[in-house]
Amino acid sequence: MMVDINNSQDKIEVTPEIERLIENCVSETLKMEGVDIPVEVSVLLVDDQQIHQLNRQYRGVDAPTDVLSFPMLEFEDGGQGSRDLQAVLNAVGHDGQALVLGDIVLSMERAQQQAQEYGHSFFREVGYLIVHGMLHLLGYDHEQEQQRLRMRQKEEKVMEMLGLSRDAQGPEVRP
């Protein structure tokens, strides 16, 4: 697994602990979904202004958001929940090369604001948003209530695997 983390904002310090957290979130999400082939994920850390621009450009929403995902895999059901991830991975074929799953764009500013708003650690919020983004890369969506519930269940499972409960304070997360 390769996680390419690029920081293009200067409002929130990105520590080695935050980078390890991002890598652990990607790894645990892949493990939970049974992905055992080499994959690559790109994570871009931005501020609210940058994500606002991307949200407007790619989703037609003229407002900042917390996380955007740009999956490279195509699922026939459009995230309806009946997709078979292993079948999609097998169909793509990777010839031993790392399969590019896609890009996650995370607003560090928004993560900090939401952590304060929800009353938990910044560390937990960043972790949650990365897991959420990863699930989108793996074909999950939350447009319908059934999809939202399934995705939330997956998010909570990974957060539990990582030791990122709502009251976790920071870098003591399990590797």
C-alpha atoms as a PDB file:
ATOM      1  CA  MET A   1       0.000   0.000   0.000  1.00  0.00           C
ATOM      2  CA  MET A   2       1.261   3.423  -0.899  1.00  0.00           C
ATOM      3  CA  VAL A   3      -0.262   6.575   0.570  1.00  0.00           C
ATOM      4  CA  ASP A   4       0.968   9.760  -1.057  1.00  0.00           C
ATOM      5  CA  ILE A   5       0.263  12.663   1.337  1.00  0.00           C
ATOM      6  CA  ASN A   6       0.631  16.205   0.009  1.00  0.00           C
ATOM      7  CA  ASN A   7       0.065  19.236   2.200  1.00  0.00           C
ATOM      8  CA  SER A   8      -0.911  22.339   0.228  1.00  0.00           C
ATOM      9  CA  GLN A   9      -2.184  24.412   3.153  1.00  0.00           C
ATOM     10  CA  ASP A  10      -0.358  26.360   5.857  1.00  0.00           C
ATOM     11  CA  LYS A  11      -3.101  26.958   8.442  1.00  0.00           C
ATOM     12  CA  ILE A  12      -2.809  23.670  10.384  1.00  0.00           C
ATOM     13  CA  GLU A  13       0.477  21.958  11.187  1.00  0.00           C
ATOM     14  CA  VAL A  14       0.746  18.486   9.700  1.00  0.00           C
ATOM     15  CA  THR A  15       2.794  16.443  12.155  1.00  0.00           C
ATOM     16  CA  PRO A  16       4.323  12.999  11.629  1.00  0.00           C
ATOM     17  CA  GLU A  17       1.551  11.682  13.923  1.00  0.00           C
ATOM     18  CA  ILE A  18      -1.108  13.053  11.574  1.00  0.00           C
ATOM     19  CA  GLU A  19       0.648  11.461   8.599  1.00  0.00           C
ATOM     20  CA  ARG A  20       0.808   8.092  10.422  1.00  0.00           C
ATOM     21  CA  LEU A  21      -2.865   8.439  11.325  1.00  0.00           C
ATOM     22  CA  ILE A  22      -3.767   8.963   7.667  1.00  0.00           C
ATOM     23  CA  GLU A  23      -1.725   5.918   6.623  1.00  0.00           C
ATOM     24  CA  ASN A  24      -3.295   3.799   9.399  1.00  0.00           C
ATOM     25  CA  CYS A  25      -6.810   4.868   8.389  1.00  0.00           C
ATOM     26  CA  VAL A  26      -6.158   3.901   4.771  1.00  0.00           C
ATOM     27  CA  SER A  27      -4.597   0.589   5.821  1.00  0.00           C
ATOM     28  CA  GLU A  28      -7.370  -0.407   8.248  1.00  0.00           C
ATOM     29  CA  THR A  29     -10.111   0.479   5.768  1.00  0.00           C
ATOM     30  CA  LEU A  30      -8.426  -1.686   3.139  1.00  0.00           C
ATOM     31  CA  LYS A  31      -8.003  -4.500   5.668  1.00  0.00           C
ATOM     32  CA  MET A  32     -11.673  -4.346   6.685  1.00  0.00           C
ATOM     33  CA  GLU A  33     -12.721  -4.531   3.026  1.00  0.00           C
ATOM     34  CA  GLY A  34     -10.373  -7.452   2.315  1.00  0.00           C
ATOM     35  CA  VAL A  35      -8.211  -5.578  -0.191  1.00  0.00           C
ATOM     36  CA  ASP A  36      -4.953  -7.523  -0.302  1.00  0.00           C
ATOM     37  CA  ILE A  37      -3.399  -6.287  -3.533  1.00  0.00           C
ATOM     38  CA  PRO A  38      -0.934  -3.381  -3.773  1.00  0.00           C
ATOM     39  CA  VAL A  39      -2.841  -0.104  -3.991  1.00  0.00           C
ATOM     40  CA  GLU A  40      -2.051   3.575  -4.119  1.00  0.00           C
ATOM     41  CA  VAL A  41      -4.071   6.392  -2.587  1.00  0.00           C
ATOM     42  CA  SER A  42      -3.313  10.086  -2.846  1.00  0.00           C
ATOM     43  CA  VAL A  43      -4.305  12.395   0.033  1.00  0.00           C
ATOM     44  CA  LEU A  44      -4.229  16.147  -0.491  1.00  0.00           C
ATOM     45  CA  LEU A  45      -4.488  18.336   2.609  1.00  0.00           C
ATOM     46  CA  VAL A  46      -6.015  21.727   1.832  1.00  0.00           C
ATOM     47  CA  ASP A  47      -7.658  24.725   3.502  1.00  0.00           C
ATOM     48  CA  ASP A  48     -11.314  25.784   3.236  1.00  0.00           C
ATOM     49  CA  GLN A  49     -10.691  28.108   0.300  1.00  0.00           C
ATOM     50  CA  GLN A  50      -9.042  25.359  -1.756  1.00  0.00           C
ATOM     51  CA  ILE A  51     -11.721  22.751  -1.032  1.00  0.00           C
ATOM     52  CA  HIS A  52     -14.437  25.326  -1.740  1.00  0.00           C
ATOM     53  CA  GLN A  53     -12.974  25.831  -5.211  1.00  0.00           C
ATOM     54  CA  LEU A  54     -12.755  22.065  -5.844  1.00  0.00           C
ATOM     55  CA  ASN A  55     -16.281  21.492  -4.533  1.00  0.00           C
ATOM     56  CA  ARG A  56     -17.627  24.160  -6.906  1.00  0.00           C
ATOM     57  CA  GLN A  57     -15.590  22.854  -9.856  1.00  0.00           C
ATOM     58  CA  TYR A  58     -16.313  19.125  -9.490  1.00  0.00           C
ATOM     59  CA  ARG A  59     -19.643  18.931  -7.663  1.00  0.00           C
ATOM     60  CA  GLY A  60     -21.258  22.248  -8.569  1.00  0.00           C
ATOM     61  CA  VAL A  61     -21.581  23.120  -4.870  1.00  0.00           C
ATOM     62  CA  ASP A  62     -20.498  26.686  -4.092  1.00  0.00           C
ATOM     63  CA  ALA A  63     -19.387  26.079  -0.504  1.00  0.00           C
ATOM     64  CA  PRO A  64     -16.498  24.522   1.387  1.00  0.00           C
ATOM     65  CA  THR A  65     -16.840  20.929   2.566  1.00  0.00           C
ATOM     66  CA  ASP A  66     -14.781  18.638   4.782  1.00  0.00           C
ATOM     67  CA  VAL A  67     -13.651  15.896   2.402  1.00  0.00           C
ATOM     68  CA  LEU A  68     -13.885  15.081  -1.286  1.00  0.00           C
ATOM     69  CA  SER A  69     -13.114  11.747  -2.921  1.00  0.00           C
ATOM     70  CA  PHE A  70     -12.203  11.092  -6.519  1.00  0.00           C
ATOM     71  CA  PRO A  71     -12.378   7.316  -7.090  1.00  0.00           C
ATOM     72  CA  MET A  72     -10.626   5.677 -10.024  1.00  0.00           C
ATOM     73  CA  LEU A  73     -12.651   2.440  -9.844  1.00  0.00           C
ATOM     74  CA  GLU A  74     -16.091   2.220 -11.413  1.00  0.00           C
ATOM     75  CA  PHE A  75     -18.858   0.263  -9.744  1.00  0.00           C
ATOM     76  CA  GLU A  76     -21.891  -0.748 -11.775  1.00  0.00           C
ATOM     77  CA  ASP A  77     -24.343  -0.062  -8.977  1.00  0.00           C
ATOM     78  CA  GLY A  78     -23.105   3.488  -8.300  1.00  0.00           C
ATOM     79  CA  GLY A  79     -22.541   2.825  -4.616  1.00  0.00           C
ATOM     80  CA  GLN A  80     -25.854   1.036  -4.064  1.00  0.00           C
ATOM     81  CA  GLY A  81     -24.188  -1.423  -1.705  1.00  0.00           C
ATOM     82  CA  SER A  82     -24.522  -4.615  -3.749  1.00  0.00           C
ATOM     83  CA  ARG A  83     -21.234  -4.130  -5.551  1.00  0.00           C
ATOM     84  CA  ASP A  84     -18.558  -6.780  -5.291  1.00  0.00           C
ATOM     85  CA  LEU A  85     -15.284  -5.021  -4.555  1.00  0.00           C
ATOM     86  CA  GLN A  86     -13.183  -8.121  -5.205  1.00  0.00           C
ATOM     87  CA  ALA A  87     -14.784  -8.629  -8.622  1.00  0.00           C
ATOM     88  CA  VAL A  88     -14.051  -5.014  -9.543  1.00  0.00           C
ATOM     89  CA  LEU A  89     -10.444  -5.322  -8.340  1.00  0.00           C
ATOM     90  CA  ASN A  90      -9.981  -8.553 -10.273  1.00  0.00           C
ATOM     91  CA  ALA A  91     -11.514  -7.087 -13.436  1.00  0.00           C
ATOM     92  CA  VAL A  92      -9.211  -4.088 -13.366  1.00  0.00           C
ATOM     93  CA  GLY A  93      -6.065  -6.211 -13.299  1.00  0.00           C
ATOM     94  CA  HIS A  94      -2.912  -4.694 -11.910  1.00  0.00           C
ATOM     95  CA  ASP A  95      -0.042  -6.912 -13.124  1.00  0.00           C
ATOM     96  CA  GLY A  96       1.693  -6.696  -9.743  1.00  0.00           C
ATOM     97  CA  GLN A  97       1.709  -2.901  -9.965  1.00  0.00           C
ATOM     98  CA  ALA A  98      -0.056  -0.825  -7.342  1.00  0.00           C
ATOM     99  CA  LEU A  99      -3.642  -0.170  -8.371  1.00  0.00           C
ATOM    100  CA  VAL A 100      -4.500   3.525  -8.078  1.00  0.00           C
ATOM    101  CA  LEU A 101      -7.718   3.745  -6.040  1.00  0.00           C
ATOM    102  CA  GLY A 102      -8.057   7.520  -6.303  1.00  0.00           C
ATOM    103  CA  ASP A 103      -7.637  10.790  -4.460  1.00  0.00           C
ATOM    104  CA  ILE A 104      -8.925  12.116  -1.158  1.00  0.00           C
ATOM    105  CA  VAL A 105      -8.935  15.871  -0.545  1.00  0.00           C
ATOM    106  CA  LEU A 106      -9.270  16.873   3.114  1.00  0.00           C
ATOM    107  CA  SER A 107      -9.808  20.372   4.468  1.00  0.00           C
ATOM    108  CA  MET A 108      -7.655  20.593   7.579  1.00  0.00           C
ATOM    109  CA  GLU A 109      -9.439  23.804   8.575  1.00  0.00           C
ATOM    110  CA  ARG A 110     -12.848  22.157   8.350  1.00  0.00           C
ATOM    111  CA  ALA A 111     -11.594  19.108  10.277  1.00  0.00           C
ATOM    112  CA  GLN A 112     -10.431  21.388  13.102  1.00  0.00           C
ATOM    113  CA  GLN A 113     -13.742  23.294  13.158  1.00  0.00           C
ATOM    114  CA  GLN A 114     -15.794  20.095  13.164  1.00  0.00           C
ATOM    115  CA  ALA A 115     -13.724  18.513  15.939  1.00  0.00           C
ATOM    116  CA  GLN A 116     -14.505  21.514  18.136  1.00  0.00           C
ATOM    117  CA  GLU A 117     -18.150  21.542  17.063  1.00  0.00           C
ATOM    118  CA  TYR A 118     -18.621  17.814  17.766  1.00  0.00           C
ATOM    119  CA  GLY A 119     -16.603  17.871  20.992  1.00  0.00           C
ATOM    120  CA  HIS A 120     -13.945  15.329  20.094  1.00  0.00           C
ATOM    121  CA  SER A 121     -10.272  15.440  19.147  1.00  0.00           C
ATOM    122  CA  PHE A 122      -8.883  16.852  15.915  1.00  0.00           C
ATOM    123  CA  PHE A 123      -7.074  13.530  15.549  1.00  0.00           C
ATOM    124  CA  ARG A 124     -10.382  11.635  15.584  1.00  0.00           C
ATOM    125  CA  GLU A 125     -11.978  14.001  13.087  1.00  0.00           C
ATOM    126  CA  VAL A 126      -9.111  13.677  10.617  1.00  0.00           C
ATOM    127  CA  GLY A 127      -9.265   9.889  11.023  1.00  0.00           C
ATOM    128  CA  TYR A 128     -13.015   9.785  10.470  1.00  0.00           C
ATOM    129  CA  LEU A 129     -12.819  11.947   7.350  1.00  0.00           C
ATOM    130  CA  ILE A 130     -10.041   9.823   5.846  1.00  0.00           C
ATOM    131  CA  VAL A 131     -12.011   6.617   6.519  1.00  0.00           C
ATOM    132  CA  HIS A 132     -15.103   8.253   4.990  1.00  0.00           C
ATOM    133  CA  GLY A 133     -13.078   9.239   1.924  1.00  0.00           C
ATOM    134  CA  MET A 134     -11.594   5.753   1.621  1.00  0.00           C
ATOM    135  CA  LEU A 135     -15.031   4.152   1.658  1.00  0.00           C
ATOM    136  CA  HIS A 136     -16.036   6.415  -1.227  1.00  0.00           C
ATOM    137  CA  LEU A 137     -12.932   5.266  -3.130  1.00  0.00           C
ATOM    138  CA  LEU A 138     -14.061   1.675  -2.514  1.00  0.00           C
ATOM    139  CA  GLY A 139     -17.532   2.238  -3.959  1.00  0.00           C
ATOM    140  CA  TYR A 140     -19.664   3.257  -0.988  1.00  0.00           C
ATOM    141  CA  ASP A 141     -22.040   6.196  -1.095  1.00  0.00           C
ATOM    142  CA  HIS A 142     -24.637   7.804   1.171  1.00  0.00           C
ATOM    143  CA  GLU A 143     -27.208   9.303  -1.178  1.00  0.00           C
ATOM    144  CA  GLN A 144     -29.970   7.028   0.134  1.00  0.00           C
ATOM    145  CA  GLU A 145     -30.728   6.157   3.743  1.00  0.00           C
ATOM    146  CA  GLN A 146     -29.837   2.458   3.371  1.00  0.00           C
ATOM    147  CA  GLN A 147     -26.482   3.412   1.823  1.00  0.00           C
ATOM    148  CA  ARG A 148     -25.850   5.987   4.549  1.00  0.00           C
ATOM    149  CA  LEU A 149     -26.504   3.457   7.315  1.00  0.00           C
ATOM    150  CA  ARG A 150     -24.238   0.853   5.707  1.00  0.00           C
ATOM    151  CA  MET A 151     -21.455   3.374   5.202  1.00  0.00           C
ATOM    152  CA  ARG A 152     -21.787   4.665   8.779  1.00  0.00           C
ATOM    153  CA  GLN A 153     -21.550   1.098  10.088  1.00  0.00           C
ATOM    154  CA  LYS A 154     -18.329   0.574   8.104  1.00  0.00           C
ATOM    155  CA  GLU A 155     -16.908   3.907   9.325  1.00  0.00           C
ATOM    156  CA  GLU A 156     -17.586   3.042  12.951  1.00  0.00           C
ATOM    157  CA  LYS A 157     -16.019  -0.405  12.548  1.00  0.00           C
ATOM    158  CA  VAL A 158     -12.769   1.049  11.198  1.00  0.00           C
ATOM    159  CA  MET A 159     -12.750   3.775  13.859  1.00  0.00           C
ATOM    160  CA  GLU A 160     -13.100   1.068  16.507  1.00  0.00           C
ATOM    161  CA  MET A 161     -10.286  -0.964  14.912  1.00  0.00           C
ATOM    162  CA  LEU A 162      -8.085   2.147  15.139  1.00  0.00           C
ATOM    163  CA  GLY A 163      -9.032   2.942  18.735  1.00  0.00           C
ATOM    164  CA  LEU A 164     -10.485   6.299  17.680  1.00  0.00           C
ATOM    165  CA  SER A 165     -13.474   6.568  19.966  1.00  0.00           C
ATOM    166  CA  ARG A 166     -15.271   9.883  20.213  1.00  0.00           C
ATOM    167  CA  ASP A 167     -13.324  10.706  23.381  1.00  0.00           C
ATOM    168  CA  ALA A 168      -9.866   9.788  22.026  1.00  0.00           C
ATOM    169  CA  GLN A 169      -7.543  12.744  22.459  1.00  0.00           C
ATOM    170  CA  GLY A 170      -4.779  12.232  19.973  1.00  0.00           C
ATOM    171  CA  PRO A 171      -1.676  10.390  18.873  1.00  0.00           C
ATOM    172  CA  GLU A 172      -2.172   7.452  21.220  1.00  0.00           C
ATOM    173  CA  VAL A 173      -4.176   5.743  18.467  1.00  0.00           C
ATOM    174  CA  ARG A 174      -3.262   2.103  17.891  1.00  0.00           C
ATOM    175  CA  PRO A 175      -0.911   1.435  14.961  1.00  0.00           C
END
